[in-house]
Amino acid sequence: MKTLPEYLIAISNPDHRQKFTEVLDWVKTNYPNLEFVMKYNQPMFLDHNSYITGFNPAKNHYSIGLEGQEIVKHFIPEIEAIGLKYGHKTIQIPYDIRIPSNLFKKIIDFKIEQKKDLKTFWLPPEKRFKSEQ
């Protein structure tokens, strides 16, 4: 398992590395009760040993991981309103824009509330992949 410094040094563009570090620091500052870990070879934030979010760098953007398509669907109007791309479990944020802190706050608050009584690392599949009825 890589340490955070080992992970960061692998981001070859120094500006991207700095921005990625700023994103992690933003979460650490705004959510000091979340536990920061390196797990599954990526930086993650946990609440009571349950996944809240993780981040991954790419060449032209970094991604915030949302654990499932149902969580992404919940935030599509806001994601599209600020012009971000998204996939089944991630939102892509270009390095050259400001940290979308309002969106991050809503996502993290939602995840904390959603998982407050959960005793597992991941949500059950029906919460990640099927519409809640």
Protein backbone atom coordinates (compact mmCIF):
# COMPACT_ATOMS: atom_id res chain seq x y z
CA MET A 1 0.00 0.00 0.00
CA LYS A 2 1.38 3.38 -0.98
CA THR A 3 1.69 6.18 1.53
CA LEU A 4 0.13 9.54 0.68
CA PRO A 5 3.52 11.10 -0.24
CA GLU A 6 4.26 8.13 -2.53
CA TYR A 7 0.82 8.46 -4.06
CA LEU A 8 1.16 12.20 -4.63
CA ILE A 9 4.61 12.03 -6.20
CA ALA A 10 3.14 9.79 -8.90
CA ILE A 11 1.08 12.79 -10.11
CA SER A 12 3.65 14.07 -12.60
CA ASN A 13 2.23 17.55 -13.19
CA PRO A 14 3.18 19.69 -10.15
CA ASP A 15 0.13 21.95 -10.59
CA HIS A 16 -2.18 18.94 -10.63
CA ARG A 17 -0.40 17.48 -7.59
CA GLN A 18 -0.88 20.76 -5.72
CA LYS A 19 -4.58 20.96 -6.65
CA PHE A 20 -5.15 17.32 -5.65
CA THR A 21 -3.45 18.01 -2.30
CA GLU A 22 -5.68 21.08 -1.83
CA VAL A 23 -8.76 18.92 -2.38
CA LEU A 24 -7.68 16.40 0.26
CA ASP A 25 -6.80 19.24 2.64
CA TRP A 26 -10.22 20.82 2.04
CA VAL A 27 -11.95 17.62 3.15
CA LYS A 28 -9.63 17.22 6.15
CA THR A 29 -10.27 20.82 7.23
CA ASN A 30 -14.03 20.82 6.71
CA TYR A 31 -14.62 17.29 8.01
CA PRO A 32 -12.07 16.73 10.78
CA ASN A 33 -14.13 13.85 12.20
CA LEU A 34 -13.67 11.79 9.03
CA GLU A 35 -10.78 9.35 9.08
CA PHE A 36 -8.29 9.75 6.23
CA VAL A 37 -6.90 6.43 4.95
CA MET A 38 -5.05 5.04 1.98
CA LYS A 39 -7.14 2.03 0.96
CA TYR A 40 -7.62 0.24 -2.36
CA ASN A 41 -4.57 2.24 -3.47
CA GLN A 42 -6.33 5.61 -3.19
CA PRO A 43 -6.99 8.33 -0.62
CA MET A 44 -10.34 7.80 1.10
CA PHE A 45 -12.36 9.32 3.90
CA LEU A 46 -14.28 7.10 6.29
CA ASP A 47 -16.84 7.61 9.02
CA HIS A 48 -16.97 4.88 11.67
CA ASN A 49 -15.02 2.61 9.27
CA SER A 50 -17.58 3.15 6.51
CA TYR A 51 -16.62 4.65 3.13
CA ILE A 52 -17.74 8.23 2.62
CA THR A 53 -15.69 9.24 -0.41
CA GLY A 54 -12.40 8.77 -2.21
CA PHE A 55 -10.39 10.73 -4.76
CA ASN A 56 -8.38 9.71 -7.81
CA PRO A 57 -6.15 11.84 -10.02
CA ALA A 58 -6.15 11.53 -13.80
CA LYS A 59 -4.34 13.37 -16.57
CA ASN A 60 -6.77 16.29 -16.98
CA HIS A 61 -9.06 15.96 -13.97
CA TYR A 62 -9.47 14.33 -10.60
CA SER A 63 -12.49 12.27 -9.60
CA ILE A 64 -14.54 12.07 -6.45
CA GLY A 65 -15.87 8.56 -5.86
CA LEU A 66 -19.51 8.19 -4.85
CA GLU A 67 -19.85 4.44 -4.31
CA GLY A 68 -22.67 3.84 -6.77
CA GLN A 69 -24.79 5.12 -9.59
CA GLU A 70 -27.73 5.90 -7.32
CA ILE A 71 -25.65 8.43 -5.40
CA VAL A 72 -24.46 10.03 -8.66
CA LYS A 73 -28.07 10.21 -9.92
CA HIS A 74 -29.05 12.07 -6.75
CA PHE A 75 -26.64 14.90 -7.63
CA ILE A 76 -26.96 15.03 -11.46
CA PRO A 77 -28.82 18.39 -11.56
CA GLU A 78 -26.05 20.09 -9.59
CA ILE A 79 -23.27 18.26 -11.43
CA GLU A 80 -24.68 19.38 -14.77
CA ALA A 81 -25.38 22.92 -13.54
CA ILE A 82 -21.69 23.48 -12.91
CA GLY A 83 -20.67 21.70 -16.12
CA LEU A 84 -18.93 18.64 -14.71
CA LYS A 85 -18.73 15.20 -16.31
CA TYR A 86 -19.79 12.11 -14.40
CA GLY A 87 -19.80 8.35 -14.68
CA HIS A 88 -21.54 5.51 -12.84
CA LYS A 89 -19.67 6.08 -9.58
CA THR A 90 -17.60 9.23 -10.03
CA ILE A 91 -17.67 12.91 -10.83
CA GLN A 92 -14.78 14.36 -12.84
CA ILE A 93 -13.45 17.77 -11.83
CA PRO A 94 -10.97 19.53 -14.15
CA TYR A 95 -7.84 20.70 -12.36
CA ASP A 96 -8.24 24.23 -13.69
CA ILE A 97 -11.49 25.04 -11.86
CA ARG A 98 -12.03 25.94 -8.24
CA ILE A 99 -12.87 23.16 -5.82
CA PRO A 100 -16.66 22.78 -6.10
CA SER A 101 -16.95 23.06 -2.33
CA ASN A 102 -20.74 23.47 -2.23
CA LEU A 103 -21.20 20.25 -4.20
CA PHE A 104 -18.56 18.42 -2.14
CA LYS A 105 -20.24 19.54 1.08
CA LYS A 106 -23.66 18.32 -0.09
CA ILE A 107 -22.21 14.98 -1.20
CA ILE A 108 -20.24 14.39 1.98
CA ASP A 109 -23.10 15.48 4.24
CA PHE A 110 -25.47 13.20 2.29
CA LYS A 111 -23.07 10.25 2.59
CA ILE A 112 -22.52 10.78 6.32
CA GLU A 113 -26.27 10.88 6.94
CA GLN A 114 -26.92 7.93 4.62
CA LYS A 115 -24.37 5.76 6.41
CA LYS A 116 -24.79 6.92 10.01
CA ASP A 117 -26.26 3.57 11.13
CA LEU A 118 -24.40 1.35 8.68
CA LYS A 119 -21.93 -1.17 10.07
CA THR A 120 -20.26 -2.10 6.77
CA PHE A 121 -17.61 -0.44 4.61
CA TRP A 122 -19.79 -0.26 1.47
CA LEU A 123 -23.49 0.42 1.09
CA PRO A 124 -25.61 -2.65 0.32
CA PRO A 125 -25.93 -3.21 -3.46
CA GLU A 126 -29.58 -2.14 -3.57
CA LYS A 127 -28.56 1.30 -2.26
CA ARG A 128 -25.77 1.64 -4.82
CA PHE A 129 -27.29 0.25 -7.99
CA LYS A 130 -31.10 0.31 -7.85
CA SER A 131 -33.51 3.16 -7.48
CA GLU A 132 -34.84 3.54 -3.97
CA GLN A 133 -38.59 3.17 -4.02
